[in-house]
N, C-alpha and C. Protein backbone atom coordinates (compact mmCIF):
# COMPACT_ATOMS: atom_id res chain seq x y z
N UNK A 1 34.27 18.59 10.41
CA UNK A 1 32.99 18.24 10.11
C UNK A 1 31.76 17.49 10.22
N UNK A 2 30.52 18.37 10.89
CA UNK A 2 29.89 17.88 11.49
C UNK A 2 28.61 16.84 10.68
N UNK A 3 27.75 16.22 11.05
CA UNK A 3 27.09 15.48 10.13
C UNK A 3 25.88 15.31 11.25
N UNK A 4 24.83 15.44 10.92
CA UNK A 4 23.50 15.20 11.75
C UNK A 4 22.50 14.35 10.99
N UNK A 5 22.65 13.54 12.35
CA UNK A 5 22.20 11.84 11.63
C UNK A 5 20.41 12.41 11.63
N UNK A 6 20.35 11.36 10.32
CA UNK A 6 18.44 11.69 10.03
C UNK A 6 18.07 10.69 11.07
N UNK A 7 16.89 11.46 11.87
CA UNK A 7 16.27 10.15 12.52
C UNK A 7 15.57 9.11 12.10
N UNK A 8 15.68 8.37 13.00
CA UNK A 8 15.55 6.72 12.21
C UNK A 8 13.92 6.36 11.42
N UNK A 9 12.95 7.38 12.24
CA UNK A 9 10.98 7.29 11.48
C UNK A 9 11.31 7.89 10.33
N UNK A 10 12.65 9.02 9.93
CA UNK A 10 12.10 9.62 8.66
C UNK A 10 12.80 8.92 7.90
N UNK A 11 13.65 7.55 7.91
CA UNK A 11 14.41 7.04 7.04
C UNK A 11 13.63 6.02 5.71
N UNK A 12 12.45 6.13 5.65
CA UNK A 12 11.62 5.33 5.27
C UNK A 12 11.13 6.12 3.81
N UNK A 13 11.01 7.53 4.09
CA UNK A 13 10.58 8.58 3.50
C UNK A 13 11.31 8.38 1.82
N UNK A 14 12.58 8.26 2.01
CA UNK A 14 12.89 8.53 0.48
C UNK A 14 12.75 7.46 -0.46
N UNK A 15 12.58 6.09 0.17
CA UNK A 15 12.61 5.13 -0.49
C UNK A 15 10.48 4.86 -1.09
N UNK A 16 10.42 5.37 -0.18
CA UNK A 16 8.60 5.64 -0.27
C UNK A 16 8.24 6.62 -1.53
N UNK A 17 8.86 7.65 -1.10
CA UNK A 17 9.00 8.77 -2.40
C UNK A 17 9.37 8.07 -3.44
N UNK A 18 10.40 7.40 -3.57
CA UNK A 18 10.88 7.40 -4.95
C UNK A 18 9.99 5.92 -5.58
N UNK A 19 9.64 5.50 -4.90
CA UNK A 19 8.80 4.26 -5.11
C UNK A 19 7.61 5.27 -6.03
N UNK A 20 7.00 5.85 -5.38
CA UNK A 20 5.74 6.41 -5.48
C UNK A 20 5.61 7.24 -6.41
N UNK A 21 7.01 8.12 -6.88
CA UNK A 21 7.21 8.23 -8.44
C UNK A 21 7.10 7.40 -9.14
N UNK A 22 8.07 6.85 -9.12
CA UNK A 22 8.32 5.93 -10.01
C UNK A 22 6.50 5.10 -10.88
N UNK A 23 6.12 4.81 -9.70
CA UNK A 23 5.18 4.08 -10.28
C UNK A 23 4.13 5.27 -11.00
N UNK A 24 4.00 6.34 -10.59
CA UNK A 24 3.06 7.38 -11.00
C UNK A 24 3.36 7.78 -12.72
N UNK A 25 4.76 7.61 -12.57
CA UNK A 25 5.63 8.19 -13.76
C UNK A 25 5.26 6.98 -15.16
N UNK A 26 5.33 5.84 -14.16
CA UNK A 26 5.42 4.55 -15.21
C UNK A 26 4.00 4.26 -15.95
N UNK A 27 2.94 4.67 -15.09
CA UNK A 27 1.97 4.57 -16.15
C UNK A 27 1.26 5.50 -17.03
N UNK A 28 2.12 6.64 -16.88
CA UNK A 28 1.93 8.15 -17.77
C UNK A 28 0.38 8.30 -17.78
N UNK A 29 -0.54 7.70 -16.93
CA UNK A 29 -1.94 8.52 -17.09
C UNK A 29 -2.39 8.40 -15.59
N UNK A 30 -3.41 9.11 -15.63
CA UNK A 30 -3.93 8.89 -14.33
C UNK A 30 -4.89 7.48 -14.03
N UNK A 31 -4.88 7.15 -12.82
CA UNK A 31 -5.92 5.82 -13.27
C UNK A 31 -7.47 6.22 -13.12
N UNK A 32 -8.43 5.53 -13.68
CA UNK A 32 -9.62 6.01 -13.60
C UNK A 32 -10.13 6.00 -11.98
N UNK A 33 -11.03 7.35 -12.01
CA UNK A 33 -11.52 7.00 -10.68
C UNK A 33 -12.52 5.85 -10.38
N UNK A 34 -12.14 5.38 -9.12
CA UNK A 34 -13.41 4.49 -8.54
C UNK A 34 -14.52 4.59 -8.06
N UNK A 35 -15.69 3.94 -7.94
CA UNK A 35 -16.32 4.20 -7.13
C UNK A 35 -16.09 4.13 -5.76
N UNK A 36 -16.80 4.93 -4.70
CA UNK A 36 -16.41 5.08 -3.39
C UNK A 36 -17.18 3.87 -2.36
N UNK A 37 -17.11 2.92 -2.75
CA UNK A 37 -17.34 1.89 -2.20
C UNK A 37 -16.79 1.41 -1.01
N UNK A 38 -17.14 1.22 0.09
CA UNK A 38 -16.54 1.33 1.77
C UNK A 38 -15.41 0.18 1.35
N UNK A 39 -14.12 0.40 1.84
CA UNK A 39 -13.23 -0.37 2.00
C UNK A 39 -12.22 0.43 2.62
N UNK A 40 -11.49 -0.46 3.83
CA UNK A 40 -11.07 0.02 4.76
C UNK A 40 -9.12 0.23 4.08
N UNK A 41 -9.37 -0.50 2.95
CA UNK A 41 -7.53 -0.59 2.25
C UNK A 41 -7.75 1.25 1.88
N UNK A 42 -8.73 1.80 1.19
CA UNK A 42 -8.55 3.02 0.33
C UNK A 42 -8.21 3.90 1.65
N UNK A 43 -8.47 3.82 2.87
CA UNK A 43 -8.14 4.67 3.90
C UNK A 43 -6.65 4.34 5.06
N UNK A 44 -6.19 4.19 4.15
CA UNK A 44 -4.84 3.20 4.92
C UNK A 44 -4.03 5.04 5.57
N UNK A 45 -3.00 4.42 6.64
CA UNK A 45 -2.56 5.42 7.08
C UNK A 45 -0.85 4.96 6.67
N UNK A 46 0.05 5.77 6.08
CA UNK A 46 1.50 5.43 5.77
C UNK A 46 2.34 4.72 7.13
N UNK A 47 2.59 3.61 6.97
CA UNK A 47 3.08 3.13 7.88
C UNK A 47 4.76 2.48 7.51
N UNK A 48 5.60 2.82 8.26
CA UNK A 48 6.97 3.07 7.71
C UNK A 48 7.32 0.87 7.71
N UNK A 49 7.90 0.73 7.03
CA UNK A 49 8.25 -0.89 7.36
C UNK A 49 9.30 -1.13 8.30
N UNK A 50 9.05 -2.09 8.96
CA UNK A 50 10.42 -2.60 10.05
C UNK A 50 11.38 -2.21 9.61
N UNK A 51 11.79 -2.81 8.43
CA UNK A 51 12.86 -2.68 7.94
C UNK A 51 12.78 -2.24 6.27
N UNK A 52 13.10 -0.67 6.31
CA UNK A 52 13.03 -0.25 4.95
C UNK A 52 13.97 -0.87 4.09
N UNK A 53 15.18 -1.14 4.19
CA UNK A 53 15.77 -1.55 3.01
C UNK A 53 15.28 -2.55 2.84
N UNK A 54 15.39 -3.51 3.47
CA UNK A 54 14.56 -4.72 2.93
C UNK A 54 13.07 -4.63 2.28
N UNK A 55 12.29 -4.07 2.52
CA UNK A 55 11.56 -3.67 1.83
C UNK A 55 11.74 -2.64 0.72
N UNK A 56 12.37 -2.29 0.36
CA UNK A 56 12.52 -1.46 -0.73
C UNK A 56 13.63 -2.64 -2.02
N UNK A 57 14.21 -3.35 -1.03
CA UNK A 57 15.06 -4.09 -1.97
C UNK A 57 13.68 -5.46 -2.64
N UNK A 58 12.84 -5.76 -1.82
CA UNK A 58 11.63 -6.29 -2.06
C UNK A 58 10.98 -5.90 -3.10
N UNK A 59 10.57 -4.72 -2.94
CA UNK A 59 10.07 -3.87 -4.00
C UNK A 59 10.36 -3.51 -5.18
N UNK A 60 11.80 -3.25 -5.20
CA UNK A 60 12.37 -3.20 -6.45
C UNK A 60 12.25 -4.21 -7.36
N UNK A 61 12.31 -5.63 -6.72
CA UNK A 61 12.69 -6.80 -7.16
C UNK A 61 11.29 -7.17 -8.19
N UNK A 62 10.56 -7.01 -7.17
CA UNK A 62 9.11 -7.56 -7.26
C UNK A 62 8.75 -6.57 -8.67
N UNK A 63 8.99 -5.20 -8.70
CA UNK A 63 8.25 -4.23 -9.46
C UNK A 63 9.43 -4.31 -11.07
N UNK A 64 10.48 -5.05 -10.82
CA UNK A 64 11.23 -5.26 -12.00
C UNK A 64 10.83 -6.24 -12.95
N UNK A 65 9.93 -7.42 -12.01
CA UNK A 65 9.03 -8.61 -12.65
C UNK A 65 7.75 -8.31 -13.39
N UNK A 66 7.34 -7.17 -13.16
CA UNK A 66 5.83 -6.57 -13.87
C UNK A 66 6.09 -6.85 -15.73
N UNK A 67 5.49 -7.37 -15.96
CA UNK A 67 5.27 -7.99 -17.30
C UNK A 67 5.85 -9.30 -17.85
N UNK A 68 6.53 -10.09 -16.35
CA UNK A 68 7.01 -11.44 -16.54
C UNK A 68 5.59 -12.17 -16.90
N UNK A 69 5.67 -13.25 -17.95
CA UNK A 69 4.64 -14.21 -18.26
C UNK A 69 3.93 -14.78 -17.23
N UNK A 70 2.66 -14.77 -16.67
CA UNK A 70 1.66 -15.93 -16.07
C UNK A 70 2.37 -17.13 -16.16
N UNK A 71 2.99 -18.17 -15.66
CA UNK A 71 2.87 -19.69 -15.82
C UNK A 71 2.70 -20.24 -14.37
N UNK A 72 1.20 -21.23 -14.39
CA UNK A 72 1.10 -22.28 -13.79
C UNK A 72 2.32 -23.00 -12.85
N UNK A 73 2.64 -22.83 -11.73
CA UNK A 73 3.94 -23.68 -11.55
C UNK A 73 5.05 -22.84 -11.42
N UNK A 74 5.10 -21.37 -11.84
CA UNK A 74 6.00 -21.41 -12.74
C UNK A 74 6.94 -20.38 -11.21
N UNK A 75 7.85 -20.46 -11.40
CA UNK A 75 8.72 -19.96 -10.14
C UNK A 75 9.97 -18.74 -10.34
N UNK A 76 10.31 -18.62 -11.58
CA UNK A 76 11.29 -17.93 -11.94
C UNK A 76 11.31 -16.86 -12.99
N UNK A 77 12.10 -15.99 -13.16
CA UNK A 77 11.84 -14.72 -14.26
C UNK A 77 11.75 -15.76 -15.88
N UNK A 78 12.53 -16.64 -15.81
CA UNK A 78 12.80 -17.66 -16.98
C UNK A 78 11.46 -18.43 -17.15
N UNK A 79 11.30 -19.09 -16.26
CA UNK A 79 9.87 -19.74 -16.47
C UNK A 79 8.66 -19.54 -16.28
N UNK A 80 8.34 -17.73 -16.08
CA UNK A 80 6.87 -17.27 -15.67
C UNK A 80 6.95 -17.69 -14.17
N UNK A 81 6.16 -16.74 -13.78
CA UNK A 81 5.32 -17.01 -12.68
C UNK A 81 3.73 -17.28 -12.08
N UNK A 82 3.57 -18.09 -11.38
CA UNK A 82 2.07 -18.11 -10.25
C UNK A 82 2.54 -17.19 -8.99
N UNK A 83 1.04 -16.70 -8.87
CA UNK A 83 1.36 -15.82 -7.48
C UNK A 83 2.23 -15.96 -6.51
N UNK A 84 2.23 -17.42 -6.17
CA UNK A 84 3.01 -17.83 -5.13
C UNK A 84 4.63 -18.04 -5.44
N UNK A 85 4.51 -18.29 -6.44
CA UNK A 85 5.81 -18.53 -7.31
C UNK A 85 7.05 -17.07 -7.18
N UNK A 86 5.85 -16.06 -7.68
CA UNK A 86 6.52 -14.50 -7.57
C UNK A 86 6.66 -14.47 -6.07
N UNK A 87 6.05 -14.48 -5.25
CA UNK A 87 6.34 -14.29 -3.80
C UNK A 87 7.27 -14.75 -3.27
N UNK A 88 7.74 -16.32 -3.66
CA UNK A 88 8.74 -16.82 -2.82
C UNK A 88 10.18 -16.53 -3.44
N UNK A 89 9.88 -16.49 -5.50
CA UNK A 89 10.75 -16.43 -5.50
C UNK A 89 11.54 -14.76 -5.08
N UNK A 90 10.93 -13.75 -4.91
CA UNK A 90 11.34 -12.59 -4.60
C UNK A 90 11.91 -12.53 -3.30
N UNK A 91 11.28 -12.78 -2.14
CA UNK A 91 11.84 -13.15 -0.93
C UNK A 91 12.89 -13.90 -0.65
N UNK A 92 12.96 -15.02 -1.81
CA UNK A 92 14.16 -15.65 -1.67
C UNK A 92 15.37 -15.01 -2.04
N UNK A 93 15.28 -14.52 -3.27
CA UNK A 93 16.21 -14.02 -4.08
C UNK A 93 16.86 -12.32 -2.76
N UNK A 94 15.88 -11.87 -2.95
CA UNK A 94 16.55 -10.46 -2.32
C UNK A 94 17.07 -10.55 -0.98
N UNK A 95 16.16 -11.80 0.19
CA UNK A 95 16.83 -11.59 1.55
C UNK A 95 17.13 -13.13 2.08
N UNK A 96 16.94 -13.88 0.97
CA UNK A 96 17.73 -15.41 1.60
C UNK A 96 16.61 -16.11 2.56
N UNK A 97 15.41 -15.64 2.27
CA UNK A 97 14.28 -16.12 3.09
C UNK A 97 13.51 -17.26 2.32
N UNK A 98 13.56 -18.32 2.81
CA UNK A 98 12.59 -19.56 2.15
C UNK A 98 10.99 -19.42 2.85
N UNK A 99 10.12 -19.05 1.67
CA UNK A 99 8.51 -19.19 2.02
C UNK A 99 7.81 -20.48 1.67
N UNK A 100 6.70 -20.92 2.57
CA UNK A 100 6.04 -21.94 1.90
C UNK A 100 5.70 -21.55 -0.06
N UNK A 101 5.43 -22.56 -0.27
CA UNK A 101 5.19 -22.58 -1.64
C UNK A 101 4.00 -22.21 -2.16
N UNK A 102 2.86 -22.15 -1.50
CA UNK A 102 1.44 -22.31 -2.11
C UNK A 102 0.72 -20.94 -1.02
N UNK A 103 0.05 -20.38 -2.17
CA UNK A 103 -0.83 -19.31 -1.47
C UNK A 103 -1.47 -19.48 -0.37
N UNK A 104 -2.20 -20.93 -0.18
CA UNK A 104 -2.68 -21.10 1.02
C UNK A 104 -1.90 -21.32 2.28
N UNK A 105 -0.16 -22.02 1.70
CA UNK A 105 0.77 -21.75 3.07
C UNK A 105 1.07 -21.04 3.36
N UNK A 106 1.57 -19.91 2.44
CA UNK A 106 1.60 -18.63 2.74
C UNK A 106 0.68 -17.69 3.65
N UNK A 107 -0.51 -18.80 3.65
CA UNK A 107 -1.66 -17.32 4.85
C UNK A 107 -1.34 -17.72 6.13
N UNK A 108 -0.58 -19.21 6.39
CA UNK A 108 -0.80 -19.70 7.69
C UNK A 108 0.37 -19.39 8.00
N UNK A 109 1.56 -19.05 7.51
CA UNK A 109 2.73 -18.72 8.47
C UNK A 109 2.59 -17.86 9.13
N UNK A 110 3.59 -18.09 10.20
CA UNK A 110 3.39 -17.26 11.41
C UNK A 110 3.82 -16.01 11.13
N UNK A 111 2.97 -14.73 12.03
CA UNK A 111 3.47 -13.78 11.51
C UNK A 111 2.04 -12.97 11.79
N UNK A 112 2.07 -11.44 12.65
CA UNK A 112 1.24 -10.51 12.81
C UNK A 112 0.07 -10.63 11.79
N UNK A 113 -1.31 -10.87 11.80
CA UNK A 113 -2.06 -10.16 10.95
C UNK A 113 -2.02 -8.98 10.76
N UNK A 114 -2.53 -8.29 9.64
CA UNK A 114 -2.62 -6.82 9.23
C UNK A 114 -3.52 -5.95 8.83
N UNK A 115 -3.97 -5.01 9.76
CA UNK A 115 -5.30 -4.66 9.34
C UNK A 115 -5.20 -4.03 8.22
N UNK A 116 -6.09 -3.64 7.01
CA UNK A 116 -6.23 -3.22 5.77
C UNK A 116 -5.49 -1.74 5.92
N UNK A 117 -6.29 -1.19 6.98
CA UNK A 117 -5.39 0.18 6.77
C UNK A 117 -4.14 0.41 7.59
N UNK A 118 -3.40 -0.62 7.66
CA UNK A 118 -2.00 -0.36 8.27
C UNK A 118 -0.93 -1.26 7.53
N UNK A 119 -1.54 -1.62 6.66
CA UNK A 119 -0.48 -2.03 5.32
C UNK A 119 0.84 -1.52 5.48
N UNK A 120 1.78 -1.82 5.03
CA UNK A 120 3.11 -1.27 4.77
C UNK A 120 3.92 -2.10 3.27
N UNK A 121 5.04 -1.57 2.71
CA UNK A 121 5.68 -1.98 1.69
C UNK A 121 5.83 -3.40 2.32
N UNK A 122 6.06 -4.51 1.22
CA UNK A 122 6.13 -5.83 1.46
C UNK A 122 5.33 -6.89 2.45
N UNK A 123 4.26 -6.60 2.78
CA UNK A 123 3.13 -7.48 3.45
C UNK A 123 2.70 -8.05 2.74
N UNK A 124 2.33 -9.48 2.98
CA UNK A 124 1.86 -10.22 1.98
C UNK A 124 -0.19 -10.23 1.61
N UNK A 125 -0.54 -10.39 0.68
CA UNK A 125 -1.89 -9.80 0.91
C UNK A 125 -2.70 -11.20 0.25
N UNK A 126 -3.57 -11.44 0.47
CA UNK A 126 -4.55 -12.62 0.25
C UNK A 126 -5.64 -12.45 -0.22
N UNK A 127 -6.11 -13.41 -1.29
CA UNK A 127 -7.40 -13.36 -1.67
C UNK A 127 -8.08 -14.66 -1.65
N UNK A 128 -9.45 -14.95 -1.56
CA UNK A 128 -10.17 -15.77 -1.66
C UNK A 128 -11.40 -15.70 -1.67
N UNK A 129 -12.03 -16.71 -0.84
CA UNK A 129 -13.48 -16.78 -0.22
C UNK A 129 -14.08 -17.90 0.74
N UNK A 130 -14.99 -18.15 1.35
CA UNK A 130 -15.16 -18.56 2.12
C UNK A 130 -14.30 -19.56 3.01
N UNK A 131 -13.04 -18.56 3.36
CA UNK A 131 -12.40 -19.34 4.19
C UNK A 131 -11.32 -19.82 3.32
N UNK A 132 -11.28 -19.51 1.80
CA UNK A 132 -10.13 -20.57 1.11
C UNK A 132 -8.97 -19.02 0.50
N UNK A 133 -7.79 -19.55 0.77
CA UNK A 133 -6.99 -18.70 0.27
C UNK A 133 -6.72 -18.98 -0.96
N UNK A 134 -6.59 -18.55 -2.59
CA UNK A 134 -6.38 -18.84 -3.65
C UNK A 134 -5.43 -18.17 -4.13
N UNK A 135 -5.16 -16.93 -3.52
CA UNK A 135 -4.24 -15.83 -4.56
C UNK A 135 -3.64 -14.96 -3.35
N UNK A 136 -2.36 -14.28 -3.31
CA UNK A 136 -1.19 -13.98 -3.00
C UNK A 136 -0.90 -12.91 -4.18
N UNK A 137 -0.29 -11.94 -3.10
CA UNK A 137 0.59 -10.92 -3.67
C UNK A 137 1.24 -10.10 -3.36
N UNK A 138 2.35 -9.18 -3.48
CA UNK A 138 3.38 -8.03 -2.46
C UNK A 138 2.73 -6.76 -2.17
N UNK A 139 2.00 -6.28 -1.17
CA UNK A 139 2.05 -4.70 -1.34
C UNK A 139 3.32 -3.81 -1.39
N UNK A 140 2.92 -2.97 -2.47
CA UNK A 140 3.86 -1.99 -2.33
C UNK A 140 3.84 -0.56 -1.93
N UNK A 141 2.30 -0.38 -1.30
CA UNK A 141 2.03 0.99 -0.74
C UNK A 141 0.78 1.45 -1.61
N UNK A 142 0.29 2.73 -1.46
CA UNK A 142 -0.55 3.34 -2.11
C UNK A 142 -1.92 2.62 -2.49
N UNK A 143 -2.15 1.42 -1.85
CA UNK A 143 -3.14 0.61 -2.17
C UNK A 143 -2.96 -0.11 -3.08
N UNK A 144 -1.78 -0.27 -3.43
CA UNK A 144 -1.29 -1.21 -4.90
C UNK A 144 -0.74 -2.42 -4.31
N UNK A 145 -0.94 -3.53 -5.02
CA UNK A 145 -0.08 -4.43 -4.81
C UNK A 145 0.68 -5.54 -6.41
N UNK A 146 1.67 -5.74 -6.40
CA UNK A 146 2.41 -6.81 -7.23
C UNK A 146 1.80 -8.25 -7.24
N UNK A 147 1.70 -8.61 -8.34
CA UNK A 147 1.21 -10.30 -7.88
C UNK A 147 1.42 -11.01 -9.58
N UNK A 148 1.01 -12.25 -9.75
CA UNK A 148 0.83 -12.71 -10.99
C UNK A 148 -0.39 -13.75 -11.02
N UNK A 149 -1.51 -12.67 -11.85
CA UNK A 149 -3.38 -13.00 -11.67
C UNK A 149 -3.63 -14.17 -12.43
N UNK A 150 -3.00 -14.39 -13.58
CA UNK A 150 -3.75 -15.69 -14.29
C UNK A 150 -3.02 -16.21 -15.74
N UNK A 151 -3.79 -17.20 -16.02
CA UNK A 151 -3.26 -17.39 -17.33
C UNK A 151 -3.36 -16.60 -18.48
N UNK A 152 -2.43 -16.56 -19.07
CA UNK A 152 -2.66 -15.32 -20.15
C UNK A 152 -2.18 -14.19 -19.86
N UNK A 153 -2.02 -14.20 -18.52
CA UNK A 153 -1.94 -12.86 -18.03
C UNK A 153 -0.60 -12.25 -17.96
N UNK A 154 0.37 -11.54 -17.04
CA UNK A 154 1.36 -11.26 -16.71
C UNK A 154 1.57 -10.58 -15.47
N UNK A 155 2.70 -10.35 -14.81
CA UNK A 155 2.97 -9.88 -13.20
C UNK A 155 2.71 -8.26 -13.74
N UNK A 156 1.69 -8.09 -12.73
CA UNK A 156 1.14 -6.53 -12.73
C UNK A 156 0.94 -6.35 -11.49
N UNK A 157 0.70 -4.77 -11.60
CA UNK A 157 0.37 -3.82 -10.12
C UNK A 157 -1.45 -3.70 -10.75
N UNK A 158 -2.06 -4.15 -9.58
CA UNK A 158 -3.49 -3.59 -8.92
C UNK A 158 -3.34 -2.79 -7.73
N UNK A 159 -4.54 -2.32 -7.74
CA UNK A 159 -5.31 -1.63 -6.90
C UNK A 159 -6.30 -2.77 -6.14
N UNK A 160 -5.82 -2.75 -4.20
CA UNK A 160 -6.63 -3.38 -3.66
C UNK A 160 -8.05 -3.37 -3.61
N UNK A 161 -8.69 -1.88 -4.29
CA UNK A 161 -9.71 -1.60 -4.27
C UNK A 161 -10.55 -1.63 -5.67
N UNK A 162 -9.97 -2.57 -6.39
CA UNK A 162 -10.21 -2.95 -7.62
C UNK A 162 -11.53 -3.74 -7.34
N UNK A 163 -12.82 -4.12 -7.98
CA UNK A 163 -13.78 -4.52 -7.43
C UNK A 163 -13.55 -5.73 -7.13
N UNK A 164 -13.02 -6.85 -8.38
CA UNK A 164 -12.74 -8.08 -7.86
C UNK A 164 -11.59 -8.09 -6.43
N UNK A 165 -10.80 -7.85 -6.53
CA UNK A 165 -9.75 -7.79 -5.34
C UNK A 165 -10.13 -7.70 -4.07
N UNK A 166 -11.24 -6.16 -4.07
CA UNK A 166 -11.72 -5.80 -2.52
C UNK A 166 -12.78 -6.56 -2.10
N UNK A 167 -13.32 -7.60 -3.44
CA UNK A 167 -14.74 -8.54 -2.93
C UNK A 167 -13.93 -9.26 -2.36
N UNK A 168 -12.72 -9.97 -2.92
CA UNK A 168 -12.11 -11.43 -2.42
C UNK A 168 -10.92 -11.17 -1.36
N UNK A 169 -10.91 -9.93 -0.87
CA UNK A 169 -9.68 -9.89 -0.01
C UNK A 169 -10.00 -10.79 1.43
N UNK A 170 -9.04 -11.44 1.57
CA UNK A 170 -8.93 -12.05 2.53
C UNK A 170 -8.29 -11.93 3.77
N UNK A 171 -7.06 -11.03 3.94
CA UNK A 171 -6.04 -10.77 5.13
C UNK A 171 -4.94 -10.31 4.46
N UNK A 172 -3.83 -10.28 5.33
CA UNK A 172 -2.88 -9.43 5.02
C UNK A 172 -1.73 -10.21 6.22
N UNK A 173 -0.43 -10.81 5.87
CA UNK A 173 0.35 -11.12 7.20
C UNK A 173 1.40 -10.10 6.68
N UNK A 174 2.53 -10.04 7.94
CA UNK A 174 3.85 -9.04 7.60
C UNK A 174 4.92 -10.20 7.83
N UNK A 175 5.98 -10.40 6.36
CA UNK A 175 6.87 -10.85 6.96
C UNK A 175 8.32 -10.64 7.13
N UNK A 176 8.50 -9.02 7.07
CA UNK A 176 9.62 -8.47 7.32
C UNK A 176 9.32 -7.70 8.71
N UNK A 177 10.11 -7.85 10.33
CA UNK A 177 9.69 -8.05 11.63
C UNK A 177 11.41 -7.17 11.43
């Protein structure tokens, strides 16, 4: 029996397709139409993660935490999460990767800065203003990211092109290489 190997450049398609289907069916409805303000994140080009298996594990864990309550300083599913607590928990839990604890520290980690149109699953996306970073999330694809936004809220998915996030986007870093 001869088995033809799947070319490496296509190995990311199945996890990406499954993730897209899961995201679309979980919503149960079409997202509202957004104004067509100029936003490079809307014009993304699908980019395969450097390590598709690692990216898939990070995404599945992060998506599995959607609905977990927000808690300032929280860093476990039991205690709840703040934004950086969510990011550090997911990467430590799935990849045994210890990242800095605050969004400001995460923004300074070594790694390439990523143009918005080249984001890939697992990239960290940062938000702030006037040179200060005060929020972080995990990019999941299709212009969306998972994050723990605020007191009284829960871990959720949002669109990078939402008015608030678009206006406060400060950049992205690639952790998975």
